[in-house]
Protein backbone atom coordinates (compact mmCIF):
# COMPACT_ATOMS: atom_id res chain seq x y z
CA UNK A 1 35.48 10.35 -4.72
CA UNK A 2 33.30 8.26 -2.37
CA UNK A 3 32.24 4.89 -3.68
CA UNK A 4 28.52 4.19 -4.04
CA UNK A 5 26.81 1.65 -1.81
CA UNK A 6 24.90 -0.93 -3.85
CA UNK A 7 21.27 -1.53 -2.87
CA UNK A 8 19.78 -4.93 -3.69
CA UNK A 9 16.29 -5.11 -5.16
CA UNK A 10 13.69 -7.86 -4.78
CA UNK A 11 11.29 -7.89 -7.76
CA UNK A 12 7.66 -8.64 -6.82
CA UNK A 13 5.96 -8.85 -10.26
CA UNK A 14 5.62 -12.65 -10.13
CA UNK A 15 3.90 -12.83 -6.70
CA UNK A 16 2.89 -9.93 -4.45
CA UNK A 17 2.34 -7.46 -7.31
CA UNK A 18 -0.42 -9.48 -8.97
CA UNK A 19 -1.71 -10.69 -5.59
CA UNK A 20 -2.24 -7.04 -4.56
CA UNK A 21 -3.47 -5.63 -7.87
CA UNK A 22 -5.51 -8.45 -9.40
CA UNK A 23 -6.42 -10.90 -6.65
CA UNK A 24 -3.57 -13.35 -7.47
CA UNK A 25 -5.22 -14.38 -10.72
CA UNK A 26 -2.26 -14.11 -13.12
CA UNK A 27 -1.74 -17.32 -15.11
CA UNK A 28 1.69 -18.88 -15.35
CA UNK A 29 1.61 -18.61 -19.15
CA UNK A 30 1.43 -14.79 -18.77
CA UNK A 31 4.65 -14.80 -16.71
CA UNK A 32 6.96 -17.24 -18.53
CA UNK A 33 8.00 -14.88 -21.35
CA UNK A 34 9.29 -12.28 -18.85
CA UNK A 35 11.37 -14.76 -16.83
CA UNK A 36 14.55 -14.68 -18.94
CA UNK A 37 14.74 -10.88 -18.70
CA UNK A 38 13.96 -10.94 -14.95
CA UNK A 39 16.67 -13.60 -14.47
CA UNK A 40 19.31 -11.42 -16.16
CA UNK A 41 18.28 -7.95 -14.88
CA UNK A 42 20.38 -8.06 -11.70
CA UNK A 43 17.85 -8.47 -8.88
CA UNK A 44 18.96 -9.60 -5.41
CA UNK A 45 15.99 -11.99 -5.43
CA UNK A 46 12.78 -12.70 -7.34
CA UNK A 47 9.66 -13.24 -5.23
CA UNK A 48 7.50 -15.74 -7.11
CA UNK A 49 5.74 -18.14 -4.70
CA UNK A 50 3.95 -18.39 -1.37
CA UNK A 51 1.46 -15.89 0.04
CA UNK A 52 -1.90 -16.45 -1.67
CA UNK A 53 -0.47 -17.92 -4.91
CA UNK A 54 -0.73 -21.52 -3.67
CA UNK A 55 -4.42 -21.10 -2.83
CA UNK A 56 -5.20 -19.23 -6.08
CA UNK A 57 -3.42 -21.86 -8.22
CA UNK A 58 -5.62 -24.72 -7.07
CA UNK A 59 -8.81 -22.73 -6.42
CA UNK A 60 -9.03 -20.65 -9.60
CA UNK A 61 -6.32 -21.62 -12.10
CA UNK A 62 -6.36 -25.46 -12.03
CA UNK A 63 -2.59 -25.27 -11.74
CA UNK A 64 -0.24 -27.31 -9.56
CA UNK A 65 1.67 -24.76 -7.42
CA UNK A 66 4.61 -27.16 -7.07
CA UNK A 67 4.86 -27.36 -10.85
CA UNK A 68 4.81 -23.53 -10.94
CA UNK A 69 7.80 -23.47 -8.58
CA UNK A 70 9.71 -26.05 -10.66
CA UNK A 71 8.98 -24.03 -13.81
CA UNK A 72 10.31 -20.81 -12.26
CA UNK A 73 13.42 -22.72 -11.16
CA UNK A 74 14.05 -23.88 -14.77
CA UNK A 75 13.35 -20.47 -16.30
CA UNK A 76 15.43 -18.45 -13.81
CA UNK A 77 18.55 -20.55 -13.13
CA UNK A 78 20.63 -17.52 -12.06
CA UNK A 79 18.14 -16.01 -9.60
CA UNK A 80 17.49 -16.44 -5.90
CA UNK A 81 13.84 -17.47 -5.83
CA UNK A 82 11.95 -16.11 -2.83
CA UNK A 83 8.68 -17.04 -1.13
CA UNK A 84 6.45 -15.71 1.67
CA UNK A 85 5.76 -18.27 4.42
CA UNK A 86 3.34 -17.69 7.32
CA UNK A 87 5.42 -19.46 9.99
CA UNK A 88 3.44 -22.21 11.69
CA UNK A 89 0.44 -21.43 9.37
CA UNK A 90 2.58 -22.33 6.30
CA UNK A 91 0.31 -21.20 3.42
CA UNK A 92 -3.00 -22.29 4.95
CA UNK A 93 -5.20 -20.65 7.57
CA UNK A 94 -4.45 -22.64 10.74
CA UNK A 95 -1.38 -23.76 12.67
CA UNK A 96 0.09 -27.10 11.54
CA UNK A 97 1.96 -29.78 13.44
CA UNK A 98 5.75 -29.41 13.57
CA UNK A 99 6.24 -32.47 11.36
CA UNK A 100 4.14 -30.86 8.58
CA UNK A 101 6.12 -27.60 8.87
CA UNK A 102 9.39 -29.56 8.54
CA UNK A 103 8.15 -31.48 5.51
CA UNK A 104 6.87 -28.36 3.77
CA UNK A 105 10.18 -26.48 4.07
CA UNK A 106 12.12 -29.56 2.94
CA UNK A 107 9.92 -29.99 -0.17
CA UNK A 108 9.90 -26.28 -1.06
CA UNK A 109 13.71 -26.24 -0.93
CA UNK A 110 13.90 -29.47 -2.95
CA UNK A 111 11.65 -28.02 -5.67
CA UNK A 112 13.78 -24.90 -6.07
CA UNK A 113 13.10 -22.32 -3.35
CA UNK A 114 16.10 -20.31 -2.09
CA UNK A 115 14.90 -17.52 0.24
CA UNK A 116 12.12 -18.14 2.77
CA UNK A 117 10.64 -14.94 4.20
CA UNK A 118 9.03 -16.27 7.38
CA UNK A 119 6.47 -14.13 9.24
CA UNK A 120 3.75 -14.46 11.87
CA UNK A 121 0.57 -12.38 11.89
CA UNK A 122 0.96 -11.63 15.61
CA UNK A 123 4.77 -11.14 15.57
CA UNK A 124 4.94 -14.01 18.09
CA UNK A 125 8.46 -15.46 17.74
CA UNK A 126 7.24 -18.84 19.06
CA UNK A 127 5.19 -19.19 15.84
CA UNK A 128 8.34 -18.63 13.75
CA UNK A 129 10.96 -20.80 15.44
CA UNK A 130 10.02 -24.17 13.93
CA UNK A 131 9.76 -22.88 10.36
CA UNK A 132 13.03 -20.96 10.73
CA UNK A 133 14.79 -24.09 12.03
CA UNK A 134 13.28 -26.18 9.22
CA UNK A 135 14.60 -23.73 6.58
CA UNK A 136 18.05 -23.68 8.22
CA UNK A 137 18.10 -27.49 8.10
CA UNK A 138 17.70 -27.37 4.30
CA UNK A 139 20.70 -25.02 4.02
CA UNK A 140 18.56 -22.30 2.40
CA UNK A 141 18.26 -18.58 3.33
CA UNK A 142 15.98 -18.01 6.35
CA UNK A 143 14.70 -14.44 6.44
CA UNK A 144 13.09 -13.58 9.78
CA UNK A 145 10.29 -11.02 9.48
CA UNK A 146 9.14 -8.13 11.64
CA UNK A 147 5.56 -7.12 10.67
CA UNK A 148 5.19 -3.36 10.99
CA UNK A 149 2.12 -1.81 12.57
CA UNK A 150 1.36 1.16 14.79
CA UNK A 151 -0.40 1.31 18.17
CA UNK A 152 0.19 2.95 21.56
CA UNK A 153 2.35 -0.11 22.43
CA UNK A 154 4.52 -0.51 19.32
CA UNK A 155 7.95 1.14 19.63
CA UNK A 156 11.29 1.18 17.82
CA UNK A 157 12.85 -0.68 20.78
CA UNK A 158 10.18 -3.36 20.55
CA UNK A 159 10.91 -3.95 16.85
CA UNK A 160 14.65 -4.14 17.56
CA UNK A 161 13.99 -6.66 20.34
CA UNK A 162 12.01 -8.87 17.91
CA UNK A 163 14.79 -8.58 15.29
CA UNK A 164 17.31 -9.77 17.91
CA UNK A 165 15.11 -12.79 18.74
CA UNK A 166 14.99 -13.64 15.03
CA UNK A 167 18.79 -13.35 14.82
CA UNK A 168 19.07 -15.78 17.76
CA UNK A 169 16.88 -18.24 15.79
CA UNK A 170 19.52 -18.18 13.04
CA UNK A 171 18.01 -15.60 10.68
CA UNK A 172 20.28 -14.95 7.67
CA UNK A 173 18.56 -11.59 7.16
CA UNK A 174 15.77 -9.51 8.71
CA UNK A 175 12.77 -8.22 6.74
CA UNK A 176 10.76 -5.22 7.89
CA UNK A 177 7.37 -6.00 6.33
CA UNK A 178 4.81 -3.22 5.90
CA UNK A 179 1.75 -4.86 4.38
CA UNK A 180 -0.64 -1.91 4.73
CA UNK A 181 1.61 1.01 3.60
CA UNK A 182 1.71 2.33 7.18
CA UNK A 183 5.50 2.81 7.27
CA UNK A 184 6.16 6.55 7.14
CA UNK A 185 9.63 7.84 6.21
CA UNK A 186 10.87 8.74 9.70
CA UNK A 187 9.94 5.45 11.42
CA UNK A 188 11.47 3.60 8.44
CA UNK A 189 14.77 5.39 9.10
CA UNK A 190 14.57 5.01 12.89
CA UNK A 191 13.78 1.28 12.92
CA UNK A 192 16.36 0.26 10.28
CA UNK A 193 19.04 2.48 11.87
CA UNK A 194 18.34 0.96 15.30
CA UNK A 195 18.47 -2.64 13.99
CA UNK A 196 21.72 -1.89 12.13
CA UNK A 197 23.34 -0.27 15.16
CA UNK A 198 22.58 -3.40 17.24
CA UNK A 199 23.49 -5.83 14.42
CA UNK A 200 25.77 -4.07 11.92
CA UNK A 201 26.46 -7.25 9.93
CA UNK A 202 22.81 -8.31 9.60
CA UNK A 203 21.25 -7.80 6.16
CA UNK A 204 18.01 -5.79 6.40
CA UNK A 205 15.34 -5.99 3.68
CA UNK A 206 12.39 -3.56 3.57
CA UNK A 207 9.01 -4.41 2.03
CA UNK A 208 6.20 -1.89 1.75
CA UNK A 209 3.06 -1.29 -0.28
CA UNK A 210 2.24 1.96 -2.09
CA UNK A 211 -1.38 2.40 -0.96
CA UNK A 212 -0.89 5.54 1.17
CA UNK A 213 1.34 7.31 -1.37
CA UNK A 214 4.25 8.00 1.03
CA UNK A 215 6.33 4.84 0.91
CA UNK A 216 8.77 5.54 -1.93
CA UNK A 217 10.13 8.21 0.43
CA UNK A 218 10.09 5.58 3.21
CA UNK A 219 12.31 3.31 1.08
CA UNK A 220 14.76 6.19 0.57
CA UNK A 221 14.88 6.89 4.32
CA UNK A 222 15.26 3.14 5.08
CA UNK A 223 18.23 3.04 2.70
CA UNK A 224 19.74 6.09 4.44
CA UNK A 225 19.21 4.22 7.73
CA UNK A 226 21.23 1.27 6.40
CA UNK A 227 18.75 -1.02 4.57
CA UNK A 228 20.56 -3.41 2.21
CA UNK A 229 17.69 -4.64 0.01
CA UNK A 230 14.28 -3.15 -0.85
CA UNK A 231 11.21 -4.67 -2.52
CA UNK A 232 9.68 -3.09 -5.65
CA UNK A 233 7.49 -4.10 -8.60
CA UNK A 234 8.11 -3.34 -12.28
CA UNK A 235 6.26 -0.09 -13.11
CA UNK A 236 3.53 -1.68 -15.24
CA UNK A 237 2.62 -3.82 -12.19
CA UNK A 238 2.99 -1.16 -9.48
CA UNK A 239 1.23 1.49 -7.34
CA UNK A 240 -2.31 1.49 -5.91
CA UNK A 241 -2.56 -1.29 -3.31
CA UNK A 242 0.57 -2.76 -4.93
CA UNK A 243 4.15 -1.53 -4.54
CA UNK A 244 6.57 1.17 -5.57
CA UNK A 245 7.95 0.98 -9.14
CA UNK A 246 11.34 -0.67 -9.63
CA UNK A 247 12.46 1.87 -12.24
CA UNK A 248 11.44 4.82 -10.02
CA UNK A 249 13.57 3.49 -7.18
CA UNK A 250 16.56 3.11 -9.50
CA UNK A 251 16.20 6.67 -10.85
CA UNK A 252 15.61 8.12 -7.37
CA UNK A 253 18.95 6.78 -6.13
CA UNK A 254 21.01 8.50 -8.85
CA UNK A 255 23.45 10.97 -7.32
CA UNK A 256 22.65 9.99 -3.72
CA UNK A 257 25.66 7.75 -3.04
CA UNK A 258 23.47 4.65 -3.42
CA UNK A 259 22.89 2.65 -6.58
CA UNK A 260 20.48 -0.07 -7.70
CA UNK A 261 22.57 -1.77 -10.37
CA UNK A 262 19.82 -3.12 -12.64
CA UNK A 263 19.86 -3.39 -16.44
CA UNK A 264 17.61 -0.57 -17.71
CA UNK A 265 17.04 -2.15 -21.12
CA UNK A 266 15.87 -5.38 -19.53
CA UNK A 267 13.62 -3.43 -17.13
CA UNK A 268 12.01 -1.76 -20.17
CA UNK A 269 11.41 -5.14 -21.74
CA UNK A 270 9.86 -6.54 -18.51
CA UNK A 271 7.70 -3.41 -18.23
CA UNK A 272 6.42 -3.82 -21.80
CA UNK A 273 5.62 -7.47 -21.22
CA UNK A 274 3.40 -6.80 -18.19
CA UNK A 275 1.89 -3.68 -19.78
CA UNK A 276 0.49 -5.99 -22.47
CA UNK A 277 -0.63 -8.64 -19.99
CA UNK A 278 -2.25 -6.41 -17.36
CA UNK A 279 -5.39 -5.31 -19.30
CA UNK A 280 -6.45 -8.95 -19.64
CA UNK A 281 -7.10 -9.00 -15.87
CA UNK A 282 -9.04 -5.74 -15.68
CA UNK A 283 -12.11 -7.42 -14.18
CA UNK A 284 -10.01 -8.50 -11.16
CA UNK A 285 -8.25 -5.14 -10.73
CA UNK A 286 -8.57 -3.32 -7.41
CA UNK A 287 -10.13 0.14 -7.68
CA UNK A 288 -7.96 1.43 -4.82
CA UNK A 289 -5.52 4.15 -5.73
CA UNK A 290 -4.19 6.38 -2.90
CA UNK A 291 -5.80 6.01 0.51
CA UNK A 292 -4.37 7.91 3.50
CA UNK A 293 -7.32 7.00 5.77
CA UNK A 294 -5.41 3.73 6.39
CA UNK A 295 -3.13 5.66 8.77
CA UNK A 296 -6.13 6.17 11.07
CA UNK A 297 -8.15 3.01 10.50
CA UNK A 298 -5.14 0.62 10.19
CA UNK A 299 -7.23 -1.29 7.64
CA UNK A 300 -5.46 -2.52 4.50
CA UNK A 301 -7.36 -2.06 1.21
CA UNK A 302 -7.93 -5.79 0.66
CA UNK A 303 -9.55 -6.05 4.07
CA UNK A 304 -11.98 -3.17 3.34
CA UNK A 305 -13.14 -4.75 0.07
CA UNK A 306 -13.55 -8.11 1.86
CA UNK A 307 -15.75 -6.55 4.60
CA UNK A 308 -17.73 -4.61 2.01
CA UNK A 309 -18.64 -7.83 0.16
CA UNK A 310 -19.51 -9.60 3.47
CA UNK A 311 -21.92 -6.78 4.35
CA UNK A 312 -23.43 -6.54 0.87
CA UNK A 313 -24.17 -10.28 0.88
CA UNK A 314 -26.13 -9.74 4.11
CA UNK A 315 -27.99 -6.74 2.64
CA UNK A 316 -26.14 -4.37 5.00
CA UNK A 317 -23.85 -2.47 2.64
CA UNK A 318 -24.88 0.76 4.40
CA UNK A 319 -23.19 -0.43 7.62
CA UNK A 320 -19.62 -0.26 6.25
CA UNK A 321 -18.76 3.00 8.05
CA UNK A 322 -19.89 1.56 11.39
CA UNK A 323 -17.77 -1.53 10.80
CA UNK A 324 -14.70 0.56 9.90
CA UNK A 325 -15.10 2.42 13.20
CA UNK A 326 -15.53 -0.88 15.09
CA UNK A 327 -12.32 -2.50 13.73
CA UNK A 328 -9.87 -0.42 15.85
CA UNK A 329 -11.94 -1.19 18.99
CA UNK A 330 -11.87 -4.94 18.28
CA UNK A 331 -8.14 -4.72 17.54
CA UNK A 332 -7.54 -3.03 20.91
CA UNK A 333 -9.56 -5.75 22.72
CA UNK A 334 -7.37 -8.36 20.99
CA UNK A 335 -4.11 -6.76 22.19
CA UNK A 336 -3.29 -4.70 19.06
CA UNK A 337 -2.27 -7.45 16.59
CA UNK A 338 -0.85 -6.31 13.23
CA UNK A 339 -3.62 -6.65 10.61
CA UNK A 340 -2.23 -9.19 8.16
CA UNK A 341 -3.48 -12.66 7.09
CA UNK A 342 -5.05 -14.29 9.07
CA UNK A 343 -5.44 -11.72 11.92
CA UNK A 344 -6.94 -9.10 9.55
CA UNK A 345 -9.72 -11.50 8.50
CA UNK A 346 -10.37 -12.58 12.11
CA UNK A 347 -10.60 -9.01 13.48
CA UNK A 348 -12.55 -7.74 10.45
CA UNK A 349 -15.17 -10.50 10.57
CA UNK A 350 -15.68 -10.01 14.34
CA UNK A 351 -16.21 -6.28 13.74
CA UNK A 352 -18.91 -7.19 11.18
CA UNK A 353 -20.56 -9.54 13.74
CA UNK A 354 -20.44 -6.80 16.42
CA UNK A 355 -22.21 -4.28 14.19
CA UNK A 356 -24.80 -6.76 12.89
CA UNK A 357 -25.65 -8.57 16.16
CA UNK A 358 -24.45 -6.37 19.01
CA UNK A 359 -20.96 -6.15 20.55
CA UNK A 360 -19.56 -9.63 21.25
CA UNK A 361 -23.03 -11.20 21.42
CA UNK A 362 -21.56 -13.90 19.16
CA UNK A 363 -17.84 -14.58 18.70
CA UNK A 364 -16.55 -16.26 15.56
CA UNK A 365 -14.70 -19.51 16.36
CA UNK A 366 -11.44 -17.92 15.11
CA UNK A 367 -11.84 -14.76 17.22
CA UNK A 368 -12.59 -16.88 20.30
CA UNK A 369 -9.40 -18.87 19.65
CA UNK A 370 -7.44 -15.63 19.18
CA UNK A 371 -8.71 -14.33 22.55
CA UNK A 372 -7.78 -17.62 24.24
CA UNK A 373 -4.17 -17.60 22.97
CA UNK A 374 -4.50 -20.36 20.34
CA UNK A 375 -2.99 -18.11 17.64
CA UNK A 376 -0.22 -16.85 19.94
CA UNK A 377 0.56 -13.82 22.08
CA UNK A 378 -0.07 -10.17 21.19
CA UNK A 379 1.78 -7.11 22.46
CA UNK A 380 -1.22 -5.84 24.43
CA UNK A 381 -3.44 -7.57 27.00
CA UNK A 382 -6.58 -9.38 25.83
CA UNK A 383 -9.79 -7.73 27.11
CA UNK A 384 -10.63 -9.99 30.12
CA UNK A 385 -14.41 -9.72 29.62
CA UNK A 386 -14.12 -10.94 26.04
CA UNK A 387 -11.79 -13.75 27.17
CA UNK A 388 -14.51 -14.90 29.64
CA UNK A 389 -17.07 -14.80 26.82
CA UNK A 390 -14.72 -16.91 24.62
CA UNK A 391 -14.31 -19.48 27.43
CA UNK A 392 -18.07 -19.69 27.94
CA UNK A 393 -18.81 -20.01 24.23
CA UNK A 394 -16.14 -22.62 23.40
CA UNK A 395 -15.65 -24.51 26.67
CA UNK A 396 -11.89 -24.11 26.09
CA UNK A 397 -9.35 -22.82 28.60
CA UNK A 398 -6.87 -20.05 27.65
CA UNK A 399 -3.29 -21.10 26.85
CA UNK A 400 -0.09 -19.08 27.27
CA UNK A 401 2.49 -21.45 25.77
CA UNK A 402 3.37 -21.98 22.09
CA UNK A 403 0.12 -22.83 20.21
CA UNK A 404 1.77 -25.63 18.18
CA UNK A 405 2.58 -27.47 21.44
CA UNK A 406 -1.11 -28.39 21.42
CA UNK A 407 -1.01 -29.90 17.91
CA UNK A 408 0.21 -33.51 17.78
CA UNK A 409 2.22 -34.73 14.79
CA UNK A 410 -0.25 -35.13 11.93
CA UNK A 411 1.72 -36.06 8.79
CA UNK A 412 0.90 -39.79 8.77
CA UNK A 413 -2.80 -39.12 9.33
CA UNK A 414 -2.88 -36.48 6.55
CA UNK A 415 -1.16 -38.86 4.13
CA UNK A 416 -3.74 -41.56 4.91
CA UNK A 417 -6.58 -39.11 4.21
CA UNK A 418 -4.98 -37.92 0.95
CA UNK A 419 -4.53 -41.49 -0.30
CA UNK A 420 -8.28 -41.93 -0.47
CA UNK A 421 -8.77 -38.98 -2.86
CA UNK A 422 -9.31 -39.45 -6.60
CA UNK A 423 -6.42 -37.95 -8.59
CA UNK A 424 -3.92 -37.98 -5.66
CA UNK A 425 -0.50 -38.72 -7.21
CA UNK A 426 1.17 -40.26 -4.15
CA UNK A 427 3.77 -37.48 -3.69
CA UNK A 428 4.61 -35.62 -0.48
CA UNK A 429 3.82 -32.43 -2.43
CA UNK A 430 0.23 -33.60 -2.97
CA UNK A 431 -0.09 -34.47 0.73
CA UNK A 432 1.03 -30.91 1.57
CA UNK A 433 -1.43 -29.40 -0.92
CA UNK A 434 -4.22 -31.42 0.70
CA UNK A 435 -3.02 -30.54 4.25
CA UNK A 436 -3.29 -26.82 3.59
CA UNK A 437 -6.51 -26.81 1.55
CA UNK A 438 -8.47 -29.97 2.46
CA UNK A 439 -11.71 -28.63 0.95
CA UNK A 440 -10.24 -27.33 -2.33
CA UNK A 441 -7.53 -29.95 -3.05
CA UNK A 442 -9.84 -32.92 -3.87
CA UNK A 443 -11.57 -30.96 -6.65
CA UNK A 444 -8.19 -29.81 -7.97
CA UNK A 445 -6.68 -33.32 -7.99
CA UNK A 446 -9.65 -34.50 -10.03
CA UNK A 447 -9.45 -31.73 -12.68
CA UNK A 448 -5.63 -31.42 -12.74
CA UNK A 449 -5.25 -33.57 -15.92
CA UNK A 450 -7.21 -30.89 -17.84
CA UNK A 451 -4.28 -28.52 -17.37
CA UNK A 452 -4.06 -24.89 -16.19
CA UNK A 453 -6.82 -22.37 -16.93
CA UNK A 454 -6.20 -18.74 -17.83
CA UNK A 455 -8.91 -16.52 -16.32
CA UNK A 456 -7.64 -13.40 -18.11
CA UNK A 457 -9.58 -12.15 -21.11
CA UNK A 458 -8.41 -12.10 -24.72
CA UNK A 459 -8.17 -8.62 -26.31
CA UNK A 460 -11.10 -9.46 -28.66
CA UNK A 461 -13.25 -10.33 -25.65
CA UNK A 462 -12.38 -7.08 -23.87
CA UNK A 463 -13.14 -5.03 -26.99
CA UNK A 464 -16.43 -6.88 -27.49
CA UNK A 465 -17.47 -6.12 -23.91
CA UNK A 466 -16.57 -2.45 -24.33
CA UNK A 467 -18.56 -2.25 -27.57
CA UNK A 468 -21.56 -3.98 -25.99
CA UNK A 469 -21.49 -1.53 -23.05
CA UNK A 470 -21.09 1.52 -25.26
CA UNK A 471 -23.61 0.40 -27.90
CA UNK A 472 -22.84 0.60 -31.63
CA UNK A 473 -21.79 4.15 -32.61
CA UNK A 474 -22.62 3.51 -36.27
CA UNK A 475 -25.98 4.25 -37.87
CA UNK A 476 -27.31 0.69 -38.07
CA UNK A 477 -28.78 -1.44 -35.30
CA UNK A 478 -26.48 -2.61 -32.47
CA UNK A 479 -24.84 -5.92 -33.40
CA UNK A 480 -23.92 -7.87 -30.26
CA UNK A 481 -20.70 -9.89 -30.69
CA UNK A 482 -21.08 -13.67 -30.43
CA UNK A 483 -18.48 -15.44 -28.26
CA UNK A 484 -17.20 -18.89 -29.28
CA UNK A 485 -14.98 -21.17 -27.20
CA UNK A 486 -12.35 -22.71 -29.47
CA UNK A 487 -9.86 -25.39 -28.37
CA UNK A 488 -6.44 -25.30 -30.05
CA UNK A 489 -3.70 -27.76 -29.00
CA UNK A 490 -5.69 -28.65 -25.90
CA UNK A 491 -5.96 -25.02 -24.71
CA UNK A 492 -9.33 -23.27 -24.62
CA UNK A 493 -9.57 -19.77 -26.19
CA UNK A 494 -12.55 -17.41 -26.15
CA UNK A 495 -13.13 -15.64 -29.50
CA UNK A 496 -15.66 -12.83 -29.97
CA UNK A 497 -17.03 -12.39 -33.52
CA UNK A 498 -19.13 -9.35 -34.46
CA UNK A 499 -21.91 -10.21 -36.94
CA UNK A 500 -21.83 -8.37 -40.30
């Protein structure tokens, strides 16, 4: 009898699942009660930090993201904690000096992070090397990432080449990251198989979203191609623009010669926990379900909703179709970058400008920088006419070397700036928070003593809203519920009371 090959699973419920389904709004208090079960269920790693969580914590939840990391570390002592790190961008929206990158990785490791999944929006290895080296210096797991996209220039050989460059940087594993659910089953098999045949001892992790409806099959084919670990989300936090369900993956593997050795009872318990929590965030939920148009447009769901709101604010909601058709043209002019933060926002906003004001009449500052090489290199050539326009508009010259070479060390200066802010606690962690979000951090430092906010709704509030929308079905007049804010043990609760 042949022995089964064990497939590791990374659980996404605590980070990418709620980022994708409910705009990263889940409060820490809605996660803590699931942590013990998640810790014991048998996952290869638990993704719980990075991506947009840092921004959402200080912008919407009045929560210190470093404290969130320390809490996860205490609650899940047996788990490898994993984060998503945007290379030289860290968790902000620009490139940072090398000294800031070093300090961030050091502090994240010190506060409890184990696995750093490091990616770059343009797949430019030069934007990854410093962060990878900084993670290696801490002795933690550096996972080098290949962002998957499709274009006339993207090939299996090209992805293998990038994986080899990441290995040469010291990657402990390689992640194939499909952020827009573009990874069809056959390419999943071909790419993983090719990476494994070049590097048989390299661990390969595969991450994909569920938006197009085909990617559970892609995970199966990736496993057949040699993938060692796959990313999933507990079923009550899965599908739509999120990810494939953890339990479905486990069941799918039965009898195939592969096994995901997770505790089914604990998975049920985790599922029940999030099934109770999820309705509280219904007002943040994405309406996306299955969308195969992404294969043609290349546009992830989050990017479409972002462009839709930009257009609506300008009274041009009827222009969405034109913008969706313009995005692939802008992407081609920019050398076919993968559409992932921040390149998706840069390309999408320029497409909106092109439709509203005429093609490239005005370039956004970020798009001009992209065309001049300040974000890094893309696989295709930049459109030379647009490059000339970017030079004329900005007065900058194009660069071809590593963008961070043009950023002097900035740690001491950032610390000086942070020291003048009310509520700054003097720690390196606070300096890093300020460095990444200089506009949002000062407000957060000031309100931090008030403690975290939960933006989810209580069941009574949800029921009251439903009743108000539906009107009273009884015979008497409609009685609108009255909402009171009650503070118990320092925590604010919203209570809806229906008049007699």
